[in-house]
Amino acid sequence: MDYNIEELDISKRMDELGLTFPDNLTFFPENFDTANAKSDFVFTDSMLDLSKIFRQDNRISIPALGQATELYRSRKSADIYLPAIFFGLSQIAGNSTIVSVSLNVLSNYIYDLCKGTSGKKTAHVELYIETKEKGKVKKINYNGSVEGLKELDKIIKAMK
């Protein structure tokens, strides 16, 4: 399992983009740091599939940051790129299973994509975890296997 954790203050960036700080699960764009406006946000194309899976199988609705988006990035690679997901502190505190459920959905999605293929696939995902300090998050950049993704549950819960 290969991951790193960064501490970020995203409140200023949210203000620059005219966005309110989310308090629930939210898909973040790939270019959150560099977009000039929320209309420039680019999301990973797997966000569309995962949004449906979360909604249909788990009754969890995850909006995209900035709500209206039309730009998606598709990659032609053996690796699997997942959308960045924000976890709000109040949601983690109020629903102790939300992290586990979310990571299981991501793991199952990757597993399904890898069925019938040969070779080892690497999953890439960024998770933004809100901290107790207003406007600050811990960003986990994960690159690794399906099994390692499930282990992030313990790391995220230790951050609370």
N, C-alpha and C. Protein backbone atom coordinates (compact mmCIF):
# COMPACT_ATOMS: atom_id res chain seq x y z
N MET A 1 0.86 -1.18 0.00
CA MET A 1 0.00 0.00 0.00
C MET A 1 0.90 1.24 0.00
N ASP A 2 0.70 2.09 -0.97
CA ASP A 2 1.50 3.30 -1.10
C ASP A 2 0.58 4.51 -0.97
N TYR A 3 0.80 5.29 0.07
CA TYR A 3 -0.03 6.49 0.26
C TYR A 3 0.79 7.55 0.97
N ASN A 4 0.37 8.79 0.80
CA ASN A 4 0.94 9.87 1.58
C ASN A 4 -0.19 10.78 2.03
N ILE A 5 0.08 11.51 3.12
CA ILE A 5 -0.93 12.38 3.70
C ILE A 5 -0.39 13.80 3.73
N GLU A 6 -1.19 14.72 3.23
CA GLU A 6 -0.84 16.15 3.26
C GLU A 6 -1.89 16.88 4.08
N GLU A 7 -1.46 17.89 4.80
CA GLU A 7 -2.42 18.75 5.49
C GLU A 7 -2.60 20.00 4.65
N LEU A 8 -3.86 20.34 4.36
CA LEU A 8 -4.17 21.48 3.50
C LEU A 8 -5.22 22.37 4.14
N ASP A 9 -5.13 23.65 3.85
CA ASP A 9 -6.19 24.59 4.21
C ASP A 9 -6.89 24.96 2.90
N ILE A 10 -8.08 24.42 2.69
CA ILE A 10 -8.78 24.64 1.43
C ILE A 10 -9.83 25.74 1.53
N SER A 11 -9.98 26.35 2.70
CA SER A 11 -11.02 27.37 2.87
C SER A 11 -10.79 28.57 1.95
N LYS A 12 -9.55 29.00 1.81
CA LYS A 12 -9.26 30.14 0.94
C LYS A 12 -9.58 29.80 -0.52
N ARG A 13 -9.24 28.59 -0.92
CA ARG A 13 -9.50 28.15 -2.30
C ARG A 13 -11.00 28.06 -2.55
N MET A 14 -11.74 27.58 -1.55
CA MET A 14 -13.20 27.50 -1.68
C MET A 14 -13.79 28.90 -1.85
N ASP A 15 -13.29 29.86 -1.08
CA ASP A 15 -13.75 31.25 -1.19
C ASP A 15 -13.45 31.83 -2.57
N GLU A 16 -12.23 31.58 -3.06
CA GLU A 16 -11.83 32.08 -4.39
C GLU A 16 -12.78 31.58 -5.48
N LEU A 17 -13.25 30.34 -5.31
CA LEU A 17 -14.12 29.73 -6.32
C LEU A 17 -15.60 30.00 -6.05
N GLY A 18 -15.89 30.72 -4.96
CA GLY A 18 -17.28 31.03 -4.62
C GLY A 18 -18.08 29.82 -4.18
N LEU A 19 -17.42 28.89 -3.50
CA LEU A 19 -18.07 27.66 -3.06
C LEU A 19 -18.19 27.63 -1.54
N THR A 20 -19.20 26.93 -1.06
CA THR A 20 -19.31 26.72 0.38
C THR A 20 -18.63 25.40 0.73
N PHE A 21 -18.11 25.35 1.93
CA PHE A 21 -17.40 24.17 2.40
C PHE A 21 -18.41 23.03 2.54
N PRO A 22 -18.17 21.89 1.90
CA PRO A 22 -19.14 20.78 2.00
C PRO A 22 -19.14 20.16 3.40
N ASP A 23 -20.26 19.56 3.76
CA ASP A 23 -20.30 18.88 5.05
C ASP A 23 -20.64 17.40 4.91
N ASN A 24 -20.84 16.95 3.69
CA ASN A 24 -21.14 15.55 3.40
C ASN A 24 -20.15 15.02 2.38
N LEU A 25 -20.32 13.75 2.04
CA LEU A 25 -19.51 13.18 0.97
C LEU A 25 -19.69 14.02 -0.28
N THR A 26 -18.59 14.33 -0.94
CA THR A 26 -18.62 15.16 -2.14
C THR A 26 -17.49 14.72 -3.06
N PHE A 27 -17.79 14.60 -4.35
CA PHE A 27 -16.73 14.33 -5.33
C PHE A 27 -15.99 15.63 -5.59
N PHE A 28 -14.67 15.58 -5.52
CA PHE A 28 -13.84 16.74 -5.81
C PHE A 28 -13.25 16.60 -7.21
N PRO A 29 -13.05 17.72 -7.91
CA PRO A 29 -12.46 17.65 -9.26
C PRO A 29 -10.96 17.37 -9.19
N GLU A 30 -10.45 16.86 -10.28
CA GLU A 30 -9.01 16.60 -10.37
C GLU A 30 -8.20 17.89 -10.31
N ASN A 31 -8.78 18.95 -10.83
CA ASN A 31 -8.04 20.22 -10.94
C ASN A 31 -8.51 21.25 -9.91
N PHE A 32 -8.90 20.81 -8.74
CA PHE A 32 -9.37 21.72 -7.69
C PHE A 32 -8.35 22.82 -7.41
N ASP A 33 -7.06 22.47 -7.37
CA ASP A 33 -6.01 23.43 -7.04
C ASP A 33 -5.74 24.45 -8.15
N THR A 34 -6.07 24.10 -9.40
CA THR A 34 -5.65 24.94 -10.52
C THR A 34 -6.79 25.57 -11.31
N ALA A 35 -8.01 25.13 -11.11
CA ALA A 35 -9.14 25.66 -11.89
C ALA A 35 -9.36 27.14 -11.60
N ASN A 36 -9.66 27.92 -12.64
CA ASN A 36 -9.92 29.35 -12.48
C ASN A 36 -11.33 29.63 -11.98
N ALA A 37 -12.25 28.71 -12.28
CA ALA A 37 -13.64 28.85 -11.86
C ALA A 37 -14.24 27.46 -11.75
N LYS A 38 -15.36 27.35 -11.04
CA LYS A 38 -15.95 26.01 -10.87
C LYS A 38 -16.43 25.44 -12.20
N SER A 39 -16.68 26.30 -13.18
CA SER A 39 -17.08 25.81 -14.51
C SER A 39 -15.91 25.13 -15.23
N ASP A 40 -14.69 25.31 -14.73
CA ASP A 40 -13.51 24.68 -15.32
C ASP A 40 -13.18 23.33 -14.69
N PHE A 41 -13.92 22.93 -13.67
CA PHE A 41 -13.64 21.68 -12.97
C PHE A 41 -13.68 20.49 -13.93
N VAL A 42 -12.70 19.59 -13.78
CA VAL A 42 -12.63 18.37 -14.56
C VAL A 42 -12.67 17.20 -13.57
N PHE A 43 -13.61 16.28 -13.79
CA PHE A 43 -13.77 15.14 -12.91
C PHE A 43 -13.34 13.87 -13.63
N THR A 44 -12.91 12.88 -12.87
CA THR A 44 -12.58 11.57 -13.42
C THR A 44 -13.85 10.92 -13.94
N ASP A 45 -13.80 10.32 -15.13
CA ASP A 45 -15.01 9.77 -15.72
C ASP A 45 -15.64 8.65 -14.90
N SER A 46 -14.88 7.98 -14.06
CA SER A 46 -15.45 6.92 -13.22
C SER A 46 -16.41 7.48 -12.18
N MET A 47 -16.41 8.80 -11.99
CA MET A 47 -17.35 9.43 -11.06
C MET A 47 -18.80 9.13 -11.45
N LEU A 48 -19.08 9.06 -12.74
CA LEU A 48 -20.44 8.80 -13.20
C LEU A 48 -20.92 7.42 -12.76
N ASP A 49 -20.08 6.41 -12.96
CA ASP A 49 -20.44 5.04 -12.55
C ASP A 49 -20.57 4.96 -11.03
N LEU A 50 -19.59 5.52 -10.33
CA LEU A 50 -19.60 5.42 -8.87
C LEU A 50 -20.78 6.17 -8.26
N SER A 51 -21.15 7.28 -8.84
CA SER A 51 -22.30 8.03 -8.34
C SER A 51 -23.56 7.16 -8.40
N LYS A 52 -23.73 6.45 -9.51
CA LYS A 52 -24.89 5.56 -9.67
C LYS A 52 -24.83 4.41 -8.66
N ILE A 53 -23.66 3.82 -8.49
CA ILE A 53 -23.51 2.69 -7.56
C ILE A 53 -23.82 3.12 -6.13
N PHE A 54 -23.27 4.25 -5.72
CA PHE A 54 -23.53 4.75 -4.37
C PHE A 54 -25.03 4.99 -4.17
N ARG A 55 -25.66 5.59 -5.16
CA ARG A 55 -27.09 5.94 -5.06
C ARG A 55 -27.98 4.70 -5.09
N GLN A 56 -27.75 3.79 -6.02
CA GLN A 56 -28.62 2.63 -6.19
C GLN A 56 -28.39 1.56 -5.13
N ASP A 57 -27.14 1.22 -4.86
CA ASP A 57 -26.85 0.10 -3.97
C ASP A 57 -26.78 0.49 -2.49
N ASN A 58 -26.48 1.74 -2.21
CA ASN A 58 -26.26 2.14 -0.82
C ASN A 58 -27.11 3.32 -0.38
N ARG A 59 -27.92 3.85 -1.29
CA ARG A 59 -28.78 5.00 -1.00
C ARG A 59 -27.98 6.20 -0.47
N ILE A 60 -26.81 6.38 -1.05
CA ILE A 60 -25.95 7.51 -0.69
C ILE A 60 -25.81 8.39 -1.92
N SER A 61 -26.23 9.62 -1.78
CA SER A 61 -26.11 10.57 -2.88
C SER A 61 -24.86 11.41 -2.67
N ILE A 62 -23.97 11.40 -3.66
CA ILE A 62 -22.73 12.17 -3.56
C ILE A 62 -22.71 13.21 -4.67
N PRO A 63 -22.85 14.48 -4.31
CA PRO A 63 -22.80 15.52 -5.34
C PRO A 63 -21.37 15.81 -5.78
N ALA A 64 -21.25 16.41 -6.93
CA ALA A 64 -19.95 16.90 -7.39
C ALA A 64 -19.77 18.32 -6.84
N LEU A 65 -18.57 18.65 -6.41
CA LEU A 65 -18.29 20.00 -5.93
C LEU A 65 -18.61 20.99 -7.03
N GLY A 66 -19.39 22.01 -6.72
CA GLY A 66 -19.78 22.98 -7.72
C GLY A 66 -21.04 22.59 -8.46
N GLN A 67 -21.54 21.40 -8.18
CA GLN A 67 -22.81 20.85 -8.69
C GLN A 67 -22.85 20.63 -10.20
N ALA A 68 -22.83 21.66 -11.00
CA ALA A 68 -23.01 21.50 -12.45
C ALA A 68 -21.66 21.28 -13.11
N THR A 69 -21.47 20.10 -13.67
CA THR A 69 -20.22 19.82 -14.36
C THR A 69 -20.48 19.07 -15.65
N GLU A 70 -19.70 19.35 -16.63
CA GLU A 70 -19.81 18.68 -17.92
C GLU A 70 -18.46 18.15 -18.39
N LEU A 71 -17.42 18.41 -17.63
CA LEU A 71 -16.08 18.03 -18.08
C LEU A 71 -15.58 16.81 -17.32
N TYR A 72 -15.24 15.76 -18.10
CA TYR A 72 -14.75 14.52 -17.51
C TYR A 72 -13.47 14.10 -18.22
N ARG A 73 -12.55 13.51 -17.47
CA ARG A 73 -11.30 13.03 -18.04
C ARG A 73 -11.33 11.51 -18.09
N SER A 74 -11.12 10.99 -19.26
CA SER A 74 -11.04 9.55 -19.46
C SER A 74 -9.59 9.20 -19.74
N ARG A 75 -9.12 8.14 -19.11
CA ARG A 75 -7.72 7.72 -19.30
C ARG A 75 -7.70 6.36 -19.97
N LYS A 76 -6.80 6.20 -20.88
CA LYS A 76 -6.58 4.91 -21.53
C LYS A 76 -5.32 4.33 -20.91
N SER A 77 -5.51 3.64 -19.81
CA SER A 77 -4.39 3.13 -19.04
C SER A 77 -4.79 1.83 -18.37
N ALA A 78 -3.81 1.01 -18.03
CA ALA A 78 -4.10 -0.22 -17.29
C ALA A 78 -4.45 0.11 -15.85
N ASP A 79 -4.02 1.26 -15.37
CA ASP A 79 -4.34 1.68 -14.01
C ASP A 79 -5.77 2.18 -13.93
N ILE A 80 -6.31 2.20 -12.72
CA ILE A 80 -7.68 2.63 -12.49
C ILE A 80 -7.66 3.93 -11.70
N TYR A 81 -8.28 4.95 -12.25
CA TYR A 81 -8.33 6.26 -11.61
C TYR A 81 -9.74 6.50 -11.08
N LEU A 82 -9.80 6.75 -9.78
CA LEU A 82 -11.08 6.99 -9.11
C LEU A 82 -11.22 8.48 -8.81
N PRO A 83 -12.44 8.94 -8.67
CA PRO A 83 -12.63 10.37 -8.36
C PRO A 83 -12.19 10.68 -6.93
N ALA A 84 -11.75 11.91 -6.72
CA ALA A 84 -11.40 12.35 -5.37
C ALA A 84 -12.70 12.50 -4.57
N ILE A 85 -12.67 12.05 -3.31
CA ILE A 85 -13.86 12.11 -2.47
C ILE A 85 -13.54 12.86 -1.19
N PHE A 86 -14.44 13.78 -0.83
CA PHE A 86 -14.34 14.56 0.40
C PHE A 86 -15.25 13.92 1.45
N PHE A 87 -14.72 13.73 2.66
CA PHE A 87 -15.50 13.24 3.79
C PHE A 87 -15.62 14.36 4.81
N GLY A 88 -16.83 14.82 5.07
CA GLY A 88 -17.07 15.86 6.06
C GLY A 88 -16.96 15.30 7.47
N LEU A 89 -16.38 16.08 8.36
CA LEU A 89 -16.17 15.65 9.75
C LEU A 89 -17.48 15.31 10.44
N SER A 90 -18.50 16.15 10.23
CA SER A 90 -19.79 15.89 10.88
C SER A 90 -20.40 14.58 10.39
N GLN A 91 -20.19 14.27 9.13
CA GLN A 91 -20.74 13.02 8.59
C GLN A 91 -19.98 11.82 9.14
N ILE A 92 -18.68 11.93 9.25
CA ILE A 92 -17.89 10.83 9.81
C ILE A 92 -18.28 10.60 11.27
N ALA A 93 -18.44 11.68 12.02
CA ALA A 93 -18.81 11.57 13.43
C ALA A 93 -20.23 11.04 13.60
N GLY A 94 -21.13 11.44 12.73
CA GLY A 94 -22.52 11.04 12.84
C GLY A 94 -22.84 9.67 12.27
N ASN A 95 -21.99 9.17 11.39
CA ASN A 95 -22.23 7.88 10.75
C ASN A 95 -20.90 7.14 10.70
N SER A 96 -20.63 6.37 11.70
CA SER A 96 -19.32 5.72 11.83
C SER A 96 -19.02 4.72 10.71
N THR A 97 -20.03 4.29 9.97
CA THR A 97 -19.79 3.30 8.91
C THR A 97 -19.58 3.93 7.53
N ILE A 98 -19.76 5.23 7.41
CA ILE A 98 -19.69 5.87 6.09
C ILE A 98 -18.34 5.66 5.40
N VAL A 99 -17.26 5.70 6.16
CA VAL A 99 -15.93 5.51 5.57
C VAL A 99 -15.79 4.07 5.08
N SER A 100 -16.16 3.11 5.93
CA SER A 100 -16.06 1.69 5.56
C SER A 100 -16.91 1.37 4.33
N VAL A 101 -18.15 1.85 4.34
CA VAL A 101 -19.05 1.60 3.21
C VAL A 101 -18.47 2.20 1.93
N SER A 102 -17.98 3.42 2.02
CA SER A 102 -17.42 4.09 0.83
C SER A 102 -16.21 3.35 0.29
N LEU A 103 -15.31 2.96 1.17
CA LEU A 103 -14.11 2.24 0.72
C LEU A 103 -14.48 0.86 0.15
N ASN A 104 -15.49 0.22 0.71
CA ASN A 104 -15.95 -1.06 0.16
C ASN A 104 -16.54 -0.89 -1.23
N VAL A 105 -17.31 0.18 -1.43
CA VAL A 105 -17.88 0.45 -2.76
C VAL A 105 -16.74 0.67 -3.76
N LEU A 106 -15.74 1.45 -3.38
CA LEU A 106 -14.60 1.70 -4.27
C LEU A 106 -13.85 0.40 -4.57
N SER A 107 -13.62 -0.41 -3.54
CA SER A 107 -12.91 -1.68 -3.72
C SER A 107 -13.67 -2.62 -4.63
N ASN A 108 -14.98 -2.73 -4.42
CA ASN A 108 -15.80 -3.60 -5.25
C ASN A 108 -15.81 -3.13 -6.70
N TYR A 109 -15.84 -1.81 -6.89
CA TYR A 109 -15.81 -1.23 -8.23
C TYR A 109 -14.51 -1.61 -8.95
N ILE A 110 -13.40 -1.47 -8.24
CA ILE A 110 -12.10 -1.82 -8.82
C ILE A 110 -12.04 -3.31 -9.13
N TYR A 111 -12.50 -4.11 -8.18
CA TYR A 111 -12.50 -5.57 -8.36
C TYR A 111 -13.29 -5.94 -9.62
N ASP A 112 -14.47 -5.36 -9.78
CA ASP A 112 -15.29 -5.64 -10.96
C ASP A 112 -14.60 -5.23 -12.25
N LEU A 113 -13.88 -4.11 -12.22
CA LEU A 113 -13.16 -3.67 -13.42
C LEU A 113 -12.01 -4.62 -13.77
N CYS A 114 -11.46 -5.27 -12.77
CA CYS A 114 -10.30 -6.14 -12.98
C CYS A 114 -10.66 -7.57 -13.32
N LYS A 115 -11.92 -7.95 -13.19
CA LYS A 115 -12.33 -9.32 -13.50
C LYS A 115 -11.95 -9.68 -14.93
N GLY A 116 -11.33 -10.83 -15.07
CA GLY A 116 -11.00 -11.33 -16.40
C GLY A 116 -9.80 -10.67 -17.05
N THR A 117 -9.10 -9.82 -16.34
CA THR A 117 -7.91 -9.20 -16.90
C THR A 117 -6.68 -9.82 -16.27
N SER A 118 -5.58 -9.74 -16.97
CA SER A 118 -4.34 -10.27 -16.43
C SER A 118 -3.45 -9.12 -15.99
N GLY A 119 -2.53 -9.43 -15.13
CA GLY A 119 -1.61 -8.41 -14.65
C GLY A 119 -2.18 -7.68 -13.45
N LYS A 120 -1.30 -7.03 -12.75
CA LYS A 120 -1.70 -6.30 -11.55
C LYS A 120 -2.13 -4.88 -11.92
N LYS A 121 -3.25 -4.48 -11.39
CA LYS A 121 -3.77 -3.14 -11.63
C LYS A 121 -3.50 -2.27 -10.40
N THR A 122 -3.24 -1.01 -10.66
CA THR A 122 -3.03 -0.05 -9.57
C THR A 122 -4.18 0.94 -9.57
N ALA A 123 -4.72 1.16 -8.38
CA ALA A 123 -5.80 2.13 -8.22
C ALA A 123 -5.21 3.44 -7.73
N HIS A 124 -5.73 4.55 -8.24
CA HIS A 124 -5.30 5.89 -7.84
C HIS A 124 -6.53 6.63 -7.32
N VAL A 125 -6.44 7.15 -6.10
CA VAL A 125 -7.55 7.91 -5.54
C VAL A 125 -7.02 8.93 -4.53
N GLU A 126 -7.71 10.05 -4.47
CA GLU A 126 -7.42 11.07 -3.46
C GLU A 126 -8.63 11.17 -2.55
N LEU A 127 -8.38 11.18 -1.24
CA LEU A 127 -9.44 11.33 -0.27
C LEU A 127 -9.16 12.57 0.57
N TYR A 128 -10.14 13.44 0.69
CA TYR A 128 -10.03 14.64 1.50
C TYR A 128 -10.82 14.39 2.78
N ILE A 129 -10.15 14.46 3.93
CA ILE A 129 -10.78 14.21 5.21
C ILE A 129 -10.78 15.51 6.01
N GLU A 130 -11.97 16.03 6.31
CA GLU A 130 -12.06 17.27 7.08
C GLU A 130 -11.55 17.04 8.49
N THR A 131 -10.80 17.99 9.00
CA THR A 131 -10.29 17.91 10.38
C THR A 131 -11.11 18.83 11.28
N LYS A 132 -10.79 18.80 12.56
CA LYS A 132 -11.53 19.62 13.52
C LYS A 132 -11.27 21.11 13.32
N GLU A 133 -10.14 21.43 12.72
CA GLU A 133 -9.81 22.83 12.47
C GLU A 133 -10.56 23.31 11.23
N LYS A 134 -11.34 24.36 11.36
CA LYS A 134 -12.20 24.86 10.27
C LYS A 134 -11.40 25.14 9.00
N GLY A 135 -11.87 24.60 7.90
CA GLY A 135 -11.26 24.85 6.60
C GLY A 135 -10.06 23.99 6.29
N LYS A 136 -9.66 23.14 7.22
CA LYS A 136 -8.47 22.32 7.00
C LYS A 136 -8.87 20.87 6.74
N VAL A 137 -8.11 20.24 5.87
CA VAL A 137 -8.34 18.85 5.52
C VAL A 137 -7.01 18.11 5.50
N LYS A 138 -7.11 16.81 5.60
CA LYS A 138 -5.97 15.94 5.36
C LYS A 138 -6.27 15.23 4.05
N LYS A 139 -5.37 15.35 3.12
CA LYS A 139 -5.55 14.76 1.81
C LYS A 139 -4.69 13.50 1.72
N ILE A 140 -5.33 12.38 1.45
CA ILE A 140 -4.62 11.11 1.29
C ILE A 140 -4.53 10.81 -0.20
N ASN A 141 -3.31 10.68 -0.69
CA ASN A 141 -3.07 10.25 -2.08
C ASN A 141 -2.72 8.77 -2.02
N TYR A 142 -3.57 7.94 -2.59
CA TYR A 142 -3.37 6.49 -2.53
C TYR A 142 -3.09 5.95 -3.92
N ASN A 143 -2.07 5.10 -4.01
CA ASN A 143 -1.75 4.36 -5.22
C ASN A 143 -1.45 2.94 -4.79
N GLY A 144 -2.31 2.00 -5.18
CA GLY A 144 -2.06 0.64 -4.75
C GLY A 144 -3.16 -0.31 -5.15
N SER A 145 -3.20 -1.43 -4.45
CA SER A 145 -4.12 -2.51 -4.78
C SER A 145 -5.49 -2.32 -4.14
N VAL A 146 -6.42 -3.18 -4.52
CA VAL A 146 -7.76 -3.18 -3.94
C VAL A 146 -7.68 -3.47 -2.44
N GLU A 147 -6.87 -4.45 -2.08
CA GLU A 147 -6.75 -4.84 -0.68
C GLU A 147 -6.23 -3.68 0.18
N GLY A 148 -5.27 -2.95 -0.33
CA GLY A 148 -4.71 -1.82 0.41
C GLY A 148 -5.71 -0.70 0.60
N LEU A 149 -6.60 -0.53 -0.36
CA LEU A 149 -7.62 0.52 -0.28
C LEU A 149 -8.50 0.30 0.95
N LYS A 150 -8.85 -0.95 1.21
CA LYS A 150 -9.69 -1.26 2.37
C LYS A 150 -8.99 -0.92 3.69
N GLU A 151 -7.67 -0.98 3.70
CA GLU A 151 -6.90 -0.69 4.91
C GLU A 151 -6.90 0.80 5.26
N LEU A 152 -7.27 1.65 4.31
CA LEU A 152 -7.32 3.09 4.58
C LEU A 152 -8.37 3.44 5.63
N ASP A 153 -9.33 2.57 5.83
CA ASP A 153 -10.39 2.79 6.82
C ASP A 153 -9.79 3.09 8.20
N LYS A 154 -8.83 2.28 8.61
CA LYS A 154 -8.19 2.47 9.93
C LYS A 154 -7.44 3.80 9.99
N ILE A 155 -6.78 4.14 8.90
CA ILE A 155 -6.00 5.39 8.86
C ILE A 155 -6.93 6.59 8.96
N ILE A 156 -8.03 6.56 8.22
CA ILE A 156 -8.98 7.68 8.23
C ILE A 156 -9.63 7.82 9.61
N LYS A 157 -10.05 6.72 10.18
CA LYS A 157 -10.69 6.78 11.51
C LYS A 157 -9.74 7.28 12.58
N ALA A 158 -8.45 7.03 12.42
CA ALA A 158 -7.45 7.52 13.39
C ALA A 158 -7.24 9.03 13.27
N MET A 159 -7.67 9.64 12.17
CA MET A 159 -7.49 11.08 11.95
C MET A 159 -8.53 11.92 12.68
N LYS A 160 -9.65 11.35 13.08
CA LYS A 160 -10.76 12.12 13.66
C LYS A 160 -10.32 12.93 14.85
